[in-house]
Amino acid sequence: MVAIWYLLVLAPFIVIPVVWWHHRRKAAERDSAADARLQKLVSAAKLDPAAVQTAAPATLLAATGYVRRSRTLDPVQTVLFYLLKNSLPDHEVMPQVGLAGVLEVAAEITGSEREQRLHSLARHTVDFVVCNKALQPVAVIDLPLQEPGALTPAQDFKARCLAEAGIRYLRLSRKALPKRDAVHALVIG
């Protein structure tokens, strides 16, 4: 009878470490699987530079008039999307957003100037928009096809509009994406 009481008293000291060890082992397996998937995506993005093309004109002239894209995001954009999603769990990441979905024209501007500004916003897209949980834009990220250097007129327009609205605008190089642990500091500041 006394042995049973000793076992009951000692059971939590045996069960809790075993459960904790099992949980830590499973978490380490999940982390290593996630790292392997990320490395696979990164290597696919580095090995396939031709994947950064848009739909071919021949596929656009199909009998139906429209054809589904093979991918919504190219491999480099896919890697950055997963980096952002994993590094910013308290934020929402939206890919391929029109600038008109991020900004609006001030109410004081009316008439033809308002229409012109709305049309200018509608012509531009950004690669990623990072929003807080209230879906308010915090940062906008572009991955230009050419190396970041002098701003193109479109990038200059985006930079001016977003700076005026108080939204952070980042242009990242396709060849040097940030490391996983540096994404939060880079995007949120």
Protein backbone atom coordinates (compact mmCIF):
# COMPACT_ATOMS: atom_id res chain seq x y z
CA MET A 1 0.00 0.00 0.00
CA VAL A 2 2.83 2.37 0.87
CA ALA A 3 4.50 1.59 -2.48
CA ILE A 4 1.39 2.74 -4.33
CA TRP A 5 1.44 6.06 -2.47
CA TYR A 6 5.13 6.53 -3.31
CA LEU A 7 4.34 5.87 -6.98
CA LEU A 8 1.48 8.38 -6.92
CA VAL A 9 3.73 11.02 -5.34
CA LEU A 10 6.59 10.35 -7.78
CA ALA A 11 4.39 10.07 -10.92
CA PRO A 12 4.28 13.83 -11.64
CA PHE A 13 8.08 14.01 -11.34
CA ILE A 14 8.37 11.32 -13.99
CA VAL A 15 5.46 12.20 -16.31
CA ILE A 16 6.08 15.96 -16.57
CA PRO A 17 9.71 15.69 -17.81
CA VAL A 18 8.73 12.97 -20.29
CA VAL A 19 5.89 15.08 -21.69
CA TRP A 20 8.14 18.16 -21.81
CA TRP A 21 10.89 16.23 -23.62
CA HIS A 22 8.37 14.85 -26.12
CA HIS A 23 7.00 18.34 -26.81
CA ARG A 24 10.49 19.83 -27.32
CA ARG A 25 11.42 16.99 -29.72
CA LYS A 26 8.27 17.54 -31.82
CA ALA A 27 8.87 21.31 -31.91
CA ALA A 28 12.45 20.75 -33.08
CA GLU A 29 11.18 18.42 -35.83
CA ARG A 30 8.65 21.04 -36.99
CA ASP A 31 11.34 23.76 -37.02
CA SER A 32 13.76 21.62 -39.00
CA ALA A 33 11.02 20.72 -41.51
CA ALA A 34 10.15 24.42 -41.90
CA ASP A 35 13.82 25.28 -42.42
CA ALA A 36 14.13 22.53 -45.04
CA ARG A 37 11.07 23.85 -46.91
CA LEU A 38 12.47 27.39 -46.80
CA GLN A 39 15.85 26.23 -48.07
CA LYS A 40 14.12 24.35 -50.88
CA LEU A 41 12.24 27.51 -51.88
CA VAL A 42 15.41 29.61 -51.70
CA SER A 43 17.36 27.17 -53.82
CA ALA A 44 14.52 26.99 -56.37
CA ALA A 45 14.46 30.78 -56.56
CA LYS A 46 18.22 30.96 -57.09
CA LEU A 47 18.29 28.21 -59.71
CA ASP A 48 15.36 29.42 -61.81
CA PRO A 49 15.96 33.06 -62.90
CA ALA A 50 13.80 32.52 -66.00
CA ALA A 51 10.75 32.10 -63.78
CA VAL A 52 10.55 35.87 -63.34
CA GLN A 53 8.60 36.32 -66.53
CA THR A 54 4.99 37.12 -67.12
CA ALA A 55 2.55 35.00 -69.08
CA ALA A 56 3.65 34.44 -72.67
CA PRO A 57 1.67 36.33 -75.36
CA ALA A 58 0.72 33.07 -77.04
CA THR A 59 -1.03 31.86 -73.90
CA LEU A 60 -2.88 35.15 -73.58
CA LEU A 61 -4.43 34.67 -77.02
CA ALA A 62 -6.10 31.38 -76.17
CA ALA A 63 -9.55 30.59 -77.52
CA THR A 64 -11.24 31.60 -74.27
CA GLY A 65 -9.34 34.86 -73.99
CA TYR A 66 -7.98 34.15 -70.50
CA VAL A 67 -5.64 31.54 -69.13
CA ARG A 68 -4.75 30.79 -65.54
CA ARG A 69 -1.20 31.69 -64.59
CA SER A 70 1.06 28.85 -63.58
CA ARG A 71 2.07 30.81 -60.45
CA THR A 72 0.70 33.90 -58.78
CA LEU A 73 4.11 34.81 -57.38
CA ASP A 74 7.48 34.06 -58.95
CA PRO A 75 9.94 31.98 -56.84
CA VAL A 76 11.73 34.99 -55.31
CA GLN A 77 8.42 36.61 -54.37
CA THR A 78 7.26 33.30 -52.88
CA VAL A 79 10.35 33.10 -50.67
CA LEU A 80 9.87 36.67 -49.48
CA PHE A 81 6.16 36.04 -48.84
CA TYR A 82 6.96 33.10 -46.56
CA LEU A 83 9.76 35.04 -44.86
CA LEU A 84 7.33 37.87 -44.12
CA LYS A 85 4.54 35.54 -42.94
CA ASN A 86 6.88 33.62 -40.60
CA SER A 87 8.80 36.63 -39.29
CA LEU A 88 5.78 38.89 -38.73
CA PRO A 89 3.13 36.67 -37.11
CA ASP A 90 1.37 39.69 -35.60
CA HIS A 91 0.91 41.28 -39.05
CA GLU A 92 -0.95 40.38 -42.25
CA VAL A 93 0.95 40.14 -45.54
CA MET A 94 -0.85 40.79 -48.82
CA PRO A 95 0.88 40.11 -52.15
CA GLN A 96 0.32 41.93 -55.47
CA VAL A 97 -1.78 44.86 -54.27
CA GLY A 98 -2.71 47.88 -56.34
CA LEU A 99 -1.52 51.19 -54.94
CA ALA A 100 -5.14 52.36 -54.94
CA GLY A 101 -5.83 49.61 -52.37
CA VAL A 102 -3.25 51.14 -50.04
CA LEU A 103 -3.76 54.88 -50.58
CA GLU A 104 -6.66 57.17 -51.29
CA VAL A 105 -6.79 60.75 -52.52
CA ALA A 106 -7.34 63.40 -49.85
CA ALA A 107 -10.90 64.71 -49.58
CA GLU A 108 -9.76 68.30 -50.18
CA ILE A 109 -8.75 67.45 -53.75
CA THR A 110 -11.74 67.52 -56.09
CA GLY A 111 -12.63 67.59 -59.74
CA SER A 112 -10.34 66.52 -62.55
CA GLU A 113 -7.25 66.59 -60.36
CA ARG A 114 -8.86 63.98 -58.05
CA GLU A 115 -9.73 61.77 -61.02
CA GLN A 116 -6.20 62.10 -62.39
CA ARG A 117 -4.67 61.13 -59.04
CA LEU A 118 -7.01 58.15 -58.68
CA HIS A 119 -6.08 57.01 -62.17
CA SER A 120 -2.37 57.35 -61.33
CA LEU A 121 -2.83 55.23 -58.20
CA ALA A 122 -4.77 52.58 -60.13
CA ARG A 123 -1.93 52.13 -62.65
CA HIS A 124 0.66 51.12 -60.04
CA THR A 125 0.99 47.90 -58.03
CA VAL A 126 3.29 46.87 -55.23
CA ASP A 127 4.63 43.40 -54.51
CA PHE A 128 3.70 43.20 -50.81
CA VAL A 129 1.74 45.21 -48.28
CA VAL A 130 2.34 44.51 -44.58
CA CYS A 131 -0.64 45.45 -42.41
CA ASN A 132 -1.30 45.35 -38.70
CA LYS A 133 -4.17 43.22 -37.37
CA ALA A 134 -6.60 46.09 -38.05
CA LEU A 135 -5.51 45.83 -41.73
CA GLN A 136 -3.95 49.28 -41.72
CA PRO A 137 -0.89 49.40 -44.03
CA VAL A 138 2.38 49.62 -42.13
CA ALA A 139 4.93 48.95 -44.87
CA VAL A 140 5.04 48.40 -48.62
CA ILE A 141 7.70 46.21 -50.23
CA ASP A 142 8.75 46.10 -53.88
CA LEU A 143 11.09 43.58 -55.52
CA PRO A 144 12.22 45.37 -58.69
CA LEU A 145 13.37 43.17 -61.57
CA GLN A 146 16.50 45.28 -62.03
CA GLU A 147 18.93 45.90 -59.21
CA PRO A 148 18.01 48.75 -56.86
CA GLY A 149 19.84 51.88 -57.89
CA ALA A 150 18.36 55.02 -59.31
CA LEU A 151 14.60 55.18 -58.90
CA THR A 152 12.48 54.63 -61.99
CA PRO A 153 9.62 57.10 -62.45
CA ALA A 154 7.12 54.51 -61.17
CA GLN A 155 9.19 53.76 -58.06
CA ASP A 156 9.71 57.46 -57.46
CA PHE A 157 5.95 58.03 -57.70
CA LYS A 158 5.30 55.19 -55.23
CA ALA A 159 7.96 56.46 -52.83
CA ARG A 160 6.58 60.02 -52.85
CA CYS A 161 2.95 58.91 -52.39
CA LEU A 162 3.73 56.46 -49.61
CA ALA A 163 6.02 58.91 -47.78
CA GLU A 164 3.26 61.52 -47.91
CA ALA A 165 0.85 58.99 -46.37
CA GLY A 166 3.37 57.96 -43.70
CA ILE A 167 3.82 54.38 -44.92
CA ARG A 168 7.28 52.81 -45.02
CA TYR A 169 8.44 51.91 -48.57
CA LEU A 170 11.14 49.28 -49.06
CA ARG A 171 12.79 48.14 -52.29
CA LEU A 172 14.63 44.87 -51.78
CA SER A 173 17.13 43.20 -54.08
CA ARG A 174 16.01 39.89 -55.57
CA LYS A 175 19.54 38.54 -55.15
CA ALA A 176 19.93 39.41 -51.46
CA LEU A 177 16.74 38.83 -49.51
CA PRO A 178 16.99 39.57 -45.78
CA LYS A 179 17.67 36.79 -43.28
CA ARG A 180 14.75 35.40 -41.32
CA ASP A 181 15.79 37.05 -38.03
CA ALA A 182 16.37 40.45 -39.69
CA VAL A 183 12.99 40.76 -41.43
CA HIS A 184 11.07 42.18 -38.46
CA ALA A 185 13.61 44.93 -37.80
CA LEU A 186 13.86 45.77 -41.50
CA VAL A 187 10.13 45.97 -42.19
CA ILE A 188 8.73 47.33 -38.95
CA GLY A 189 11.80 49.32 -37.92
